[in-house]
Protein backbone atom coordinates (compact mmCIF):
# COMPACT_ATOMS: atom_id res chain seq x y z
CA UNK A 1 49.60 -76.86 -109.73
CA UNK A 2 50.66 -74.57 -106.88
CA UNK A 3 50.94 -74.63 -103.13
CA UNK A 4 48.81 -71.97 -101.44
CA UNK A 5 51.93 -69.82 -100.92
CA UNK A 6 52.99 -70.19 -104.58
CA UNK A 7 49.51 -69.28 -105.81
CA UNK A 8 49.40 -66.23 -103.56
CA UNK A 9 52.85 -65.12 -104.70
CA UNK A 10 51.93 -65.64 -108.37
CA UNK A 11 48.87 -63.43 -107.99
CA UNK A 12 50.96 -60.81 -106.16
CA UNK A 13 53.58 -60.80 -108.94
CA UNK A 14 50.95 -60.48 -111.66
CA UNK A 15 49.26 -57.64 -109.78
CA UNK A 16 52.47 -55.78 -108.91
CA UNK A 17 54.15 -56.23 -112.32
CA UNK A 18 51.42 -56.12 -114.98
CA UNK A 19 53.96 -54.99 -117.59
CA UNK A 20 55.58 -58.45 -117.52
CA UNK A 21 54.44 -61.98 -118.33
CA UNK A 22 54.89 -64.31 -115.38
CA UNK A 23 55.62 -67.98 -116.00
CA UNK A 24 55.70 -70.52 -113.20
CA UNK A 25 57.67 -73.71 -112.61
CA UNK A 26 60.00 -73.19 -115.54
CA UNK A 27 62.57 -75.89 -116.28
CA UNK A 28 66.11 -74.56 -115.83
CA UNK A 29 67.21 -76.26 -119.07
CA UNK A 30 64.73 -73.99 -120.87
CA UNK A 31 66.45 -70.93 -119.40
CA UNK A 32 70.13 -71.76 -119.84
CA UNK A 33 72.23 -73.88 -122.17
CA UNK A 34 75.17 -76.12 -121.38
CA UNK A 35 78.46 -74.66 -122.51
CA UNK A 36 79.59 -75.74 -125.96
CA UNK A 37 82.80 -77.62 -126.55
CA UNK A 38 82.43 -80.23 -123.82
CA UNK A 39 82.85 -83.91 -124.51
CA UNK A 40 79.58 -85.73 -125.04
CA UNK A 41 79.85 -87.34 -121.59
CA UNK A 42 80.55 -84.06 -119.78
CA UNK A 43 77.83 -82.27 -121.73
CA UNK A 44 75.28 -84.96 -120.78
CA UNK A 45 76.33 -84.77 -117.12
CA UNK A 46 75.97 -80.98 -117.09
CA UNK A 47 72.63 -81.15 -118.89
CA UNK A 48 71.32 -83.73 -116.43
CA UNK A 49 72.14 -81.37 -113.55
CA UNK A 50 69.80 -78.71 -114.99
CA UNK A 51 67.20 -80.79 -116.83
CA UNK A 52 65.36 -81.97 -113.75
CA UNK A 53 65.38 -78.65 -111.90
CA UNK A 54 62.97 -75.76 -112.18
CA UNK A 55 62.61 -72.25 -110.83
CA UNK A 56 59.37 -71.11 -109.28
CA UNK A 57 58.78 -67.97 -111.36
CA UNK A 58 60.22 -66.29 -114.43
CA UNK A 59 59.38 -62.74 -115.49
CA UNK A 60 59.55 -62.01 -119.22
CA UNK A 61 59.04 -58.97 -121.41
CA UNK A 62 55.68 -59.42 -123.17
CA UNK A 63 56.76 -58.35 -126.67
CA UNK A 64 59.66 -60.79 -127.13
CA UNK A 65 59.43 -63.04 -124.04
CA UNK A 66 63.03 -62.25 -123.11
CA UNK A 67 63.78 -63.32 -119.56
CA UNK A 68 64.04 -60.44 -117.12
CA UNK A 69 64.55 -62.44 -113.94
CA UNK A 70 63.96 -65.75 -112.24
CA UNK A 71 62.62 -66.00 -108.70
CA UNK A 72 62.53 -68.79 -106.19
CA UNK A 73 59.99 -68.72 -103.36
CA UNK A 74 61.88 -69.90 -100.28
CA UNK A 75 59.94 -71.93 -97.77
CA UNK A 76 61.09 -74.12 -94.88
CA UNK A 77 62.51 -76.71 -97.29
CA UNK A 78 65.17 -74.17 -98.25
CA UNK A 79 66.62 -74.43 -94.72
CA UNK A 80 67.93 -77.96 -95.42
CA UNK A 81 71.59 -78.33 -96.43
CA UNK A 82 70.73 -80.30 -99.59
CA UNK A 83 68.29 -77.63 -100.72
CA UNK A 84 70.79 -74.87 -99.96
CA UNK A 85 73.37 -76.65 -102.13
CA UNK A 86 70.79 -76.86 -104.95
CA UNK A 87 69.95 -73.17 -104.55
CA UNK A 88 73.65 -72.22 -104.65
CA UNK A 89 74.15 -74.32 -107.79
CA UNK A 90 71.19 -72.65 -109.50
CA UNK A 91 72.29 -69.15 -108.50
CA UNK A 92 75.77 -69.78 -109.91
CA UNK A 93 74.47 -71.39 -113.10
CA UNK A 94 71.98 -68.60 -113.77
CA UNK A 95 74.56 -65.90 -112.99
CA UNK A 96 77.06 -67.54 -115.36
CA UNK A 97 74.45 -67.65 -118.12
């Protein structure tokens, strides 16, 4: 399920932050919702932009599973312009939520 780097980072997170539950490869559409009040077409377009994306790790409080933060493990693929645009989109979407 994980690259060697992702597995190592997951173990490091779990060790460093035992007070949180760590979830990996979480779908963005499970973290944020599309804004209400859009036309059906615009809503579907916005949903499609988040439905196929995921974040590497999400930290949650154990008692209610409320999201504390989302983390992306940047590797060499994040140096590409297309990936940087995706990262910027996700950062803005998560910040807005």
